Amino acid sequence: MERAAELTRNDKYGAAFMAVQRTIETADGVELSEIQQWLTDHGDDFVGDSGEKG
């Protein structure tokens, strides 16, 4: 997931998707919940927003 965030920040969306696709597809219910929580907690990682205002 961290690698996908890095790729997304570098406008490499296809590579980001491919980096996590298999993980998401094979995750069980508990793992999917953990992935959702991680994405919620780290959403800014995907857009490069550090919370600082320009």
PDB file of N, CA and C in Angstrom:
ATOM      1  N   MET A   1       0.820  -1.172   0.000  1.00  0.00           N
ATOM      2  CA  MET A   1       0.000   0.000   0.000  1.00  0.00           C
ATOM      3  C   MET A   1       0.876   1.252   0.000  1.00  0.00           C
ATOM      4  N   GLU A   2       1.938   1.221   0.758  1.00  0.00           N
ATOM      5  CA  GLU A   2       2.827   2.386   0.775  1.00  0.00           C
ATOM      6  C   GLU A   2       3.434   2.627  -0.607  1.00  0.00           C
ATOM      7  N   ARG A   3       3.805   1.547  -1.279  1.00  0.00           N
ATOM      8  CA  ARG A   3       4.358   1.676  -2.638  1.00  0.00           C
ATOM      9  C   ARG A   3       3.309   2.244  -3.588  1.00  0.00           C
ATOM     10  N   ALA A   4       2.072   1.816  -3.449  1.00  0.00           N
ATOM     11  CA  ALA A   4       0.993   2.339  -4.291  1.00  0.00           C
ATOM     12  C   ALA A   4       0.801   3.829  -4.049  1.00  0.00           C
ATOM     13  N   ALA A   5       0.915   4.256  -2.813  1.00  0.00           N
ATOM     14  CA  ALA A   5       0.796   5.680  -2.508  1.00  0.00           C
ATOM     15  C   ALA A   5       1.917   6.460  -3.186  1.00  0.00           C
ATOM     16  N   GLU A   6       3.125   5.927  -3.116  1.00  0.00           N
ATOM     17  CA  GLU A   6       4.263   6.581  -3.755  1.00  0.00           C
ATOM     18  C   GLU A   6       4.063   6.684  -5.268  1.00  0.00           C
ATOM     19  N   LEU A   7       3.619   5.601  -5.876  1.00  0.00           N
ATOM     20  CA  LEU A   7       3.384   5.597  -7.317  1.00  0.00           C
ATOM     21  C   LEU A   7       2.290   6.586  -7.703  1.00  0.00           C
ATOM     22  N   THR A   8       1.244   6.651  -6.898  1.00  0.00           N
ATOM     23  CA  THR A   8       0.145   7.579  -7.171  1.00  0.00           C
ATOM     24  C   THR A   8       0.633   9.017  -7.121  1.00  0.00           C
ATOM     25  N   ARG A   9       1.435   9.335  -6.127  1.00  0.00           N
ATOM     26  CA  ARG A   9       1.970  10.705  -6.028  1.00  0.00           C
ATOM     27  C   ARG A   9       2.811  11.062  -7.251  1.00  0.00           C
ATOM     28  N   ASN A  10       3.374  10.047  -7.895  1.00  0.00           N
ATOM     29  CA  ASN A  10       4.201  10.262  -9.087  1.00  0.00           C
ATOM     30  C   ASN A  10       3.406  10.062 -10.379  1.00  0.00           C
ATOM     31  N   ASP A  11       2.067  10.135 -10.282  1.00  0.00           N
ATOM     32  CA  ASP A  11       1.167  10.018 -11.438  1.00  0.00           C
ATOM     33  C   ASP A  11       1.312   8.699 -12.179  1.00  0.00           C
ATOM     34  N   LYS A  12       1.606   7.638 -11.464  1.00  0.00           N
ATOM     35  CA  LYS A  12       1.731   6.302 -12.056  1.00  0.00           C
ATOM     36  C   LYS A  12       0.584   5.435 -11.526  1.00  0.00           C
ATOM     37  N   TYR A  13      -0.635   5.813 -11.948  1.00  0.00           N
ATOM     38  CA  TYR A  13      -1.839   5.203 -11.400  1.00  0.00           C
ATOM     39  C   TYR A  13      -1.976   3.724 -11.755  1.00  0.00           C
ATOM     40  N   GLY A  14      -1.658   3.368 -12.994  1.00  0.00           N
ATOM     41  CA  GLY A  14      -1.742   1.968 -13.407  1.00  0.00           C
ATOM     42  C   GLY A  14      -0.810   1.092 -12.599  1.00  0.00           C
ATOM     43  N   ALA A  15       0.404   1.551 -12.414  1.00  0.00           N
ATOM     44  CA  ALA A  15       1.383   0.794 -11.630  1.00  0.00           C
ATOM     45  C   ALA A  15       0.944   0.706 -10.172  1.00  0.00           C
ATOM     46  N   ALA A  16       0.342   1.771  -9.666  1.00  0.00           N
ATOM     47  CA  ALA A  16      -0.147   1.774  -8.281  1.00  0.00           C
ATOM     48  C   ALA A  16      -1.244   0.731  -8.112  1.00  0.00           C
ATOM     49  N   PHE A  17      -2.171   0.687  -9.061  1.00  0.00           N
ATOM     50  CA  PHE A  17      -3.248  -0.287  -8.999  1.00  0.00           C
ATOM     51  C   PHE A  17      -2.697  -1.705  -9.051  1.00  0.00           C
ATOM     52  N   MET A  18      -1.772  -1.935  -9.966  1.00  0.00           N
ATOM     53  CA  MET A  18      -1.204  -3.269 -10.099  1.00  0.00           C
ATOM     54  C   MET A  18      -0.440  -3.690  -8.850  1.00  0.00           C
ATOM     55  N   ALA A  19       0.124  -2.732  -8.146  1.00  0.00           N
ATOM     56  CA  ALA A  19       0.901  -3.030  -6.944  1.00  0.00           C
ATOM     57  C   ALA A  19       0.027  -3.591  -5.828  1.00  0.00           C
ATOM     58  N   VAL A  20      -1.240  -3.236  -5.800  1.00  0.00           N
ATOM     59  CA  VAL A  20      -2.112  -3.673  -4.702  1.00  0.00           C
ATOM     60  C   VAL A  20      -3.261  -4.573  -5.141  1.00  0.00           C
ATOM     61  N   GLN A  21      -3.458  -4.712  -6.432  1.00  0.00           N
ATOM     62  CA  GLN A  21      -4.611  -5.460  -6.936  1.00  0.00           C
ATOM     63  C   GLN A  21      -4.698  -6.864  -6.347  1.00  0.00           C
ATOM     64  N   ARG A  22      -3.653  -7.629  -6.428  1.00  0.00           N
ATOM     65  CA  ARG A  22      -3.676  -9.017  -5.948  1.00  0.00           C
ATOM     66  C   ARG A  22      -3.929  -9.068  -4.437  1.00  0.00           C
ATOM     67  N   THR A  23      -3.338  -8.156  -3.716  1.00  0.00           N
ATOM     68  CA  THR A  23      -3.535  -8.119  -2.269  1.00  0.00           C
ATOM     69  C   THR A  23      -5.001  -7.895  -1.934  1.00  0.00           C
ATOM     70  N   ILE A  24      -5.624  -6.953  -2.611  1.00  0.00           N
ATOM     71  CA  ILE A  24      -7.027  -6.641  -2.339  1.00  0.00           C
ATOM     72  C   ILE A  24      -7.930  -7.784  -2.786  1.00  0.00           C
ATOM     73  N   GLU A  25      -7.648  -8.357  -3.943  1.00  0.00           N
ATOM     74  CA  GLU A  25      -8.481  -9.438  -4.473  1.00  0.00           C
ATOM     75  C   GLU A  25      -8.461 -10.691  -3.614  1.00  0.00           C
ATOM     76  N   THR A  26      -7.354 -10.951  -2.941  1.00  0.00           N
ATOM     77  CA  THR A  26      -7.232 -12.181  -2.158  1.00  0.00           C
ATOM     78  C   THR A  26      -7.449 -11.964  -0.662  1.00  0.00           C
ATOM     79  N   ALA A  27      -7.720 -10.744  -0.266  1.00  0.00           N
ATOM     80  CA  ALA A  27      -7.907 -10.440   1.154  1.00  0.00           C
ATOM     81  C   ALA A  27      -9.230 -11.011   1.663  1.00  0.00           C
ATOM     82  N   ASP A  28      -9.195 -11.496   2.892  1.00  0.00           N
ATOM     83  CA  ASP A  28     -10.436 -11.943   3.516  1.00  0.00           C
ATOM     84  C   ASP A  28     -11.114 -10.737   4.173  1.00  0.00           C
ATOM     85  N   GLY A  29     -12.233 -10.950   4.823  1.00  0.00           N
ATOM     86  CA  GLY A  29     -13.001  -9.863   5.411  1.00  0.00           C
ATOM     87  C   GLY A  29     -12.218  -9.035   6.419  1.00  0.00           C
ATOM     88  N   VAL A  30     -11.459  -9.704   7.263  1.00  0.00           N
ATOM     89  CA  VAL A  30     -10.662  -8.996   8.274  1.00  0.00           C
ATOM     90  C   VAL A  30      -9.579  -8.160   7.600  1.00  0.00           C
ATOM     91  N   GLU A  31      -8.907  -8.763   6.627  1.00  0.00           N
ATOM     92  CA  GLU A  31      -7.851  -8.039   5.917  1.00  0.00           C
ATOM     93  C   GLU A  31      -8.409  -6.847   5.148  1.00  0.00           C
ATOM     94  N   LEU A  32      -9.583  -7.021   4.540  1.00  0.00           N
ATOM     95  CA  LEU A  32     -10.194  -5.895   3.831  1.00  0.00           C
ATOM     96  C   LEU A  32     -10.517  -4.756   4.788  1.00  0.00           C
ATOM     97  N   SER A  33     -10.979  -5.084   5.986  1.00  0.00           N
ATOM     98  CA  SER A  33     -11.239  -4.054   6.993  1.00  0.00           C
ATOM     99  C   SER A  33      -9.956  -3.327   7.365  1.00  0.00           C
ATOM    100  N   GLU A  34      -8.873  -4.083   7.503  1.00  0.00           N
ATOM    101  CA  GLU A  34      -7.579  -3.472   7.818  1.00  0.00           C
ATOM    102  C   GLU A  34      -7.100  -2.586   6.681  1.00  0.00           C
ATOM    103  N   ILE A  35      -7.307  -3.016   5.439  1.00  0.00           N
ATOM    104  CA  ILE A  35      -6.919  -2.213   4.279  1.00  0.00           C
ATOM    105  C   ILE A  35      -7.734  -0.924   4.245  1.00  0.00           C
ATOM    106  N   GLN A  36      -9.041  -1.037   4.476  1.00  0.00           N
ATOM    107  CA  GLN A  36      -9.897   0.151   4.493  1.00  0.00           C
ATOM    108  C   GLN A  36      -9.437   1.135   5.568  1.00  0.00           C
ATOM    109  N   GLN A  37      -9.110   0.624   6.743  1.00  0.00           N
ATOM    110  CA  GLN A  37      -8.655   1.501   7.820  1.00  0.00           C
ATOM    111  C   GLN A  37      -7.337   2.164   7.468  1.00  0.00           C
ATOM    112  N   TRP A  38      -6.421   1.396   6.867  1.00  0.00           N
ATOM    113  CA  TRP A  38      -5.137   1.956   6.467  1.00  0.00           C
ATOM    114  C   TRP A  38      -5.345   3.072   5.450  1.00  0.00           C
ATOM    115  N   LEU A  39      -6.231   2.821   4.471  1.00  0.00           N
ATOM    116  CA  LEU A  39      -6.504   3.840   3.450  1.00  0.00           C
ATOM    117  C   LEU A  39      -7.118   5.092   4.075  1.00  0.00           C
ATOM    118  N   THR A  40      -8.005   4.900   5.039  1.00  0.00           N
ATOM    119  CA  THR A  40      -8.600   6.042   5.736  1.00  0.00           C
ATOM    120  C   THR A  40      -7.527   6.827   6.486  1.00  0.00           C
ATOM    121  N   ASP A  41      -6.664   6.110   7.178  1.00  0.00           N
ATOM    122  CA  ASP A  41      -5.620   6.753   7.975  1.00  0.00           C
ATOM    123  C   ASP A  41      -4.539   7.406   7.119  1.00  0.00           C
ATOM    124  N   HIS A  42      -4.324   6.891   5.916  1.00  0.00           N
ATOM    125  CA  HIS A  42      -3.210   7.342   5.082  1.00  0.00           C
ATOM    126  C   HIS A  42      -3.647   7.942   3.750  1.00  0.00           C
ATOM    127  N   GLY A  43      -4.881   8.384   3.657  1.00  0.00           N
ATOM    128  CA  GLY A  43      -5.386   8.944   2.408  1.00  0.00           C
ATOM    129  C   GLY A  43      -4.530  10.069   1.864  1.00  0.00           C
ATOM    130  N   ASP A  44      -4.005  10.900   2.737  1.00  0.00           N
ATOM    131  CA  ASP A  44      -3.161  12.015   2.297  1.00  0.00           C
ATOM    132  C   ASP A  44      -1.877  11.537   1.629  1.00  0.00           C
ATOM    133  N   ASP A  45      -1.437  10.309   1.947  1.00  0.00           N
ATOM    134  CA  ASP A  45      -0.230   9.763   1.323  1.00  0.00           C
ATOM    135  C   ASP A  45      -0.389   9.656  -0.189  1.00  0.00           C
ATOM    136  N   PHE A  46      -1.628   9.467  -0.636  1.00  0.00           N
ATOM    137  CA  PHE A  46      -1.880   9.276  -2.059  1.00  0.00           C
ATOM    138  C   PHE A  46      -1.930  10.580  -2.840  1.00  0.00           C
ATOM    139  N   VAL A  47      -2.179  11.676  -2.146  1.00  0.00           N
ATOM    140  CA  VAL A  47      -2.269  12.965  -2.833  1.00  0.00           C
ATOM    141  C   VAL A  47      -1.112  13.872  -2.482  1.00  0.00           C
ATOM    142  N   GLY A  48      -0.253  13.438  -1.585  1.00  0.00           N
ATOM    143  CA  GLY A  48       0.906  14.242  -1.221  1.00  0.00           C
ATOM    144  C   GLY A  48       0.556  15.412  -0.335  1.00  0.00           C
ATOM    145  N   ASP A  49      -0.611  15.369   0.302  1.00  0.00           N
ATOM    146  CA  ASP A  49      -1.049  16.466   1.159  1.00  0.00           C
ATOM    147  C   ASP A  49      -0.529  16.221   2.573  1.00  0.00           C
ATOM    148  N   SER A  50       0.387  17.053   2.995  1.00  0.00           N
ATOM    149  CA  SER A  50       0.960  16.916   4.334  1.00  0.00           C
ATOM    150  C   SER A  50       0.203  17.716   5.370  1.00  0.00           C
ATOM    151  N   GLY A  51      -0.914  18.317   4.948  1.00  0.00           N
ATOM    152  CA  GLY A  51      -1.694  19.123   5.876  1.00  0.00           C
ATOM    153  C   GLY A  51      -1.266  20.571   5.902  1.00  0.00           C
ATOM    154  N   GLU A  52      -0.207  20.911   5.171  1.00  0.00           N
ATOM    155  CA  GLU A  52       0.267  22.289   5.139  1.00  0.00           C
ATOM    156  C   GLU A  52      -0.515  23.083   4.111  1.00  0.00           C
ATOM    157  N   LYS A  53      -0.824  24.299   4.419  1.00  0.00           N
ATOM    158  CA  LYS A  53      -1.530  25.178   3.491  1.00  0.00           C
ATOM    159  C   LYS A  53      -0.530  26.022   2.751  1.00  0.00           C
ATOM    160  N   GLY A  54      -0.684  26.079   1.386  1.00  0.00           N
ATOM    161  CA  GLY A  54       0.208  26.730   0.463  1.00  0.00           C
ATOM    162  C   GLY A  54       0.643  28.068   0.806  1.00  0.00           C
TER     163      GLY A  54
END
